[in-house]
Protein backbone atom coordinates (compact mmCIF):
# COMPACT_ATOMS: atom_id res chain seq x y z
CA UNK A 1 0.05 -0.10 0.04
CA UNK A 2 1.23 3.53 -0.97
CA UNK A 3 2.23 6.19 1.59
CA UNK A 4 2.42 9.82 1.28
CA UNK A 5 6.05 10.01 0.92
CA UNK A 6 5.77 7.61 -2.24
CA UNK A 7 4.26 10.47 -4.30
CA UNK A 8 6.22 13.16 -6.09
CA UNK A 9 5.06 16.72 -6.57
CA UNK A 10 7.06 19.87 -6.88
CA UNK A 11 6.76 22.92 -4.76
CA UNK A 12 5.13 26.01 -6.05
CA UNK A 13 8.48 27.64 -6.30
CA UNK A 14 10.11 24.87 -8.11
CA UNK A 15 11.54 22.84 -5.21
CA UNK A 16 11.74 19.17 -6.04
CA UNK A 17 9.23 16.97 -4.31
CA UNK A 18 8.00 18.72 -1.31
CA UNK A 19 6.59 15.40 0.05
CA UNK A 20 9.98 13.83 0.52
CA UNK A 21 10.35 15.97 3.66
CA UNK A 22 7.13 14.73 5.01
CA UNK A 23 8.27 11.29 5.97
CA UNK A 24 7.74 10.75 9.74
CA UNK A 25 5.60 13.75 10.09
CA UNK A 26 1.79 14.22 10.81
CA UNK A 27 0.67 16.07 7.81
CA UNK A 28 -2.63 17.93 6.95
CA UNK A 29 -3.18 18.03 3.12
CA UNK A 30 -5.40 20.90 2.04
CA UNK A 31 -6.44 22.01 -1.47
CA UNK A 32 -6.30 25.78 -1.51
CA UNK A 33 -7.47 28.70 -3.57
CA UNK A 34 -6.76 32.50 -3.30
CA UNK A 35 -10.10 33.80 -4.33
CA UNK A 36 -12.50 31.72 -2.25
CA UNK A 37 -14.72 32.55 0.49
CA UNK A 38 -12.99 30.08 2.52
CA UNK A 39 -9.44 31.64 1.76
CA UNK A 40 -9.21 33.22 5.27
CA UNK A 41 -8.61 29.67 6.53
CA UNK A 42 -4.90 30.23 5.40
CA UNK A 43 -4.41 32.31 8.63
CA UNK A 44 -5.60 29.31 10.83
CA UNK A 45 -3.58 26.91 8.79
CA UNK A 46 -0.46 29.01 9.23
CA UNK A 47 -1.08 29.34 12.95
CA UNK A 48 -1.39 25.65 13.42
CA UNK A 49 1.67 24.99 11.37
CA UNK A 50 3.57 27.72 13.52
CA UNK A 51 2.36 25.92 16.74
CA UNK A 52 3.18 22.39 15.78
CA UNK A 53 5.86 22.11 13.17
CA UNK A 54 8.52 21.56 15.77
CA UNK A 55 6.46 18.39 16.75
CA UNK A 56 7.03 16.99 13.29
CA UNK A 57 3.77 18.36 11.98
CA UNK A 58 3.20 20.08 8.60
CA UNK A 59 0.54 21.56 6.41
CA UNK A 60 0.88 21.08 2.63
CA UNK A 61 -1.23 23.26 0.46
CA UNK A 62 -2.23 22.10 -3.00
CA UNK A 63 -3.30 25.31 -4.99
CA UNK A 64 -6.33 24.15 -7.41
CA UNK A 65 -8.25 26.22 -9.81
CA UNK A 66 -11.17 23.62 -10.33
CA UNK A 67 -13.82 25.16 -8.04
CA UNK A 68 -15.26 28.45 -9.42
CA UNK A 69 -11.83 29.33 -11.10
CA UNK A 70 -10.87 30.67 -7.73
CA UNK A 71 -7.04 30.00 -8.05
CA UNK A 72 -6.39 31.67 -11.52
CA UNK A 73 -2.92 33.02 -10.55
CA UNK A 74 0.45 31.88 -11.72
CA UNK A 75 2.85 30.34 -9.12
CA UNK A 76 4.55 33.72 -8.26
CA UNK A 77 1.14 35.51 -7.90
CA UNK A 78 0.02 32.65 -5.55
CA UNK A 79 3.13 32.82 -3.50
CA UNK A 80 2.98 36.56 -3.13
CA UNK A 81 -0.76 36.61 -2.23
CA UNK A 82 -0.22 33.91 0.51
CA UNK A 83 2.92 35.56 2.00
CA UNK A 84 1.50 38.99 1.80
CA UNK A 85 -1.99 38.35 3.21
CA UNK A 86 -1.55 35.33 5.51
CA UNK A 87 2.30 35.00 6.11
CA UNK A 88 2.10 31.49 4.77
CA UNK A 89 5.44 29.64 5.34
CA UNK A 90 4.07 26.04 5.07
CA UNK A 91 4.77 24.17 1.77
CA UNK A 92 2.53 24.90 -1.26
CA UNK A 93 2.78 22.55 -4.23
CA UNK A 94 2.50 23.34 -8.01
CA UNK A 95 -1.10 23.97 -9.01
CA UNK A 96 -2.94 20.69 -9.58
CA UNK A 97 -6.31 19.23 -10.22
CA UNK A 98 -7.88 17.14 -7.49
CA UNK A 99 -10.90 15.78 -9.43
CA UNK A 100 -11.70 14.38 -12.86
CA UNK A 101 -9.57 13.28 -15.75
CA UNK A 102 -6.42 15.21 -14.90
CA UNK A 103 -6.61 14.47 -11.31
CA UNK A 104 -3.12 14.28 -9.56
CA UNK A 105 -2.20 10.89 -8.42
CA UNK A 106 -2.05 11.91 -4.84
CA UNK A 107 -5.75 12.84 -4.79
CA UNK A 108 -6.61 9.46 -6.44
CA UNK A 109 -4.64 7.87 -3.49
CA UNK A 110 -6.46 9.93 -0.93
CA UNK A 111 -9.88 9.01 -2.40
CA UNK A 112 -9.04 5.26 -2.28
CA UNK A 113 -9.33 5.51 1.57
CA UNK A 114 -12.07 8.17 1.66
CA UNK A 115 -14.06 7.87 -1.67
CA UNK A 116 -15.87 10.64 -3.36
CA UNK A 117 -14.95 13.77 -5.28
CA UNK A 118 -13.44 16.74 -3.41
CA UNK A 119 -16.33 18.98 -2.77
CA UNK A 120 -14.64 22.51 -2.76
CA UNK A 121 -11.51 24.43 -1.89
CA UNK A 122 -10.00 23.68 1.64
CA UNK A 123 -11.10 20.13 1.93
CA UNK A 124 -8.53 18.54 4.30
CA UNK A 125 -6.91 15.11 4.84
CA UNK A 126 -4.99 14.01 7.85
CA UNK A 127 -1.92 11.86 7.36
CA UNK A 128 -0.24 9.86 10.16
CA UNK A 129 3.46 9.58 10.68
CA UNK A 130 3.71 6.39 8.62
CA UNK A 131 2.15 8.31 5.72
CA UNK A 132 -1.26 6.77 5.89
CA UNK A 133 -4.55 8.70 5.46
CA UNK A 134 -6.49 8.72 8.65
CA UNK A 135 -9.17 11.31 8.33
CA UNK A 136 -11.02 13.42 5.86
CA UNK A 137 -12.62 16.86 6.80
CA UNK A 138 -15.17 18.96 4.79
CA UNK A 139 -14.04 22.44 3.40
CA UNK A 140 -15.85 24.29 6.18
CA UNK A 141 -13.58 22.62 9.01
CA UNK A 142 -11.24 25.10 10.03
CA UNK A 143 -7.81 24.79 11.71
CA UNK A 144 -9.38 25.78 15.07
CA UNK A 145 -12.06 22.94 14.81
CA UNK A 146 -11.95 20.95 18.08
CA UNK A 147 -12.29 17.47 16.55
CA UNK A 148 -9.57 18.27 13.97
CA UNK A 149 -7.19 19.59 16.79
CA UNK A 150 -7.92 16.50 18.71
CA UNK A 151 -7.20 14.05 15.75
CA UNK A 152 -3.90 15.96 15.11
CA UNK A 153 -2.87 15.73 18.90
CA UNK A 154 -3.67 12.09 18.88
CA UNK A 155 -1.70 11.42 15.76
CA UNK A 156 1.35 13.37 17.17
């Protein structure tokens, strides 16, 4: 069975395979967009990353333009937007598709464990230290959600 670190995806700024650094970490994967009503979730995700990254926790954002064309920017525009508006320092990947014919293989893998198309921007998946998918959260689940925080703490 595959694990998170078995997949390859480059960082938004061209860094090779951002997932290689995730081995042994608890990771929250999130498909993100800059022009969505849920975009303010970046602030909570960054706060969560800041508070827990020293405990081998990471957030990884996957920019995606599939929902309402809410991530239309080029890589440098996305990076600048996230840094200037939310101080994002957690890893962002190259822009991908999370559903459909051109779905990135990592999202096909995530949906093997938790079937069903991604509903909207900011849907989340929690990955344990061994690289296994352990939970899926709907887009409205924020980084401050008590159940999400409990699940992360248990995984840590």
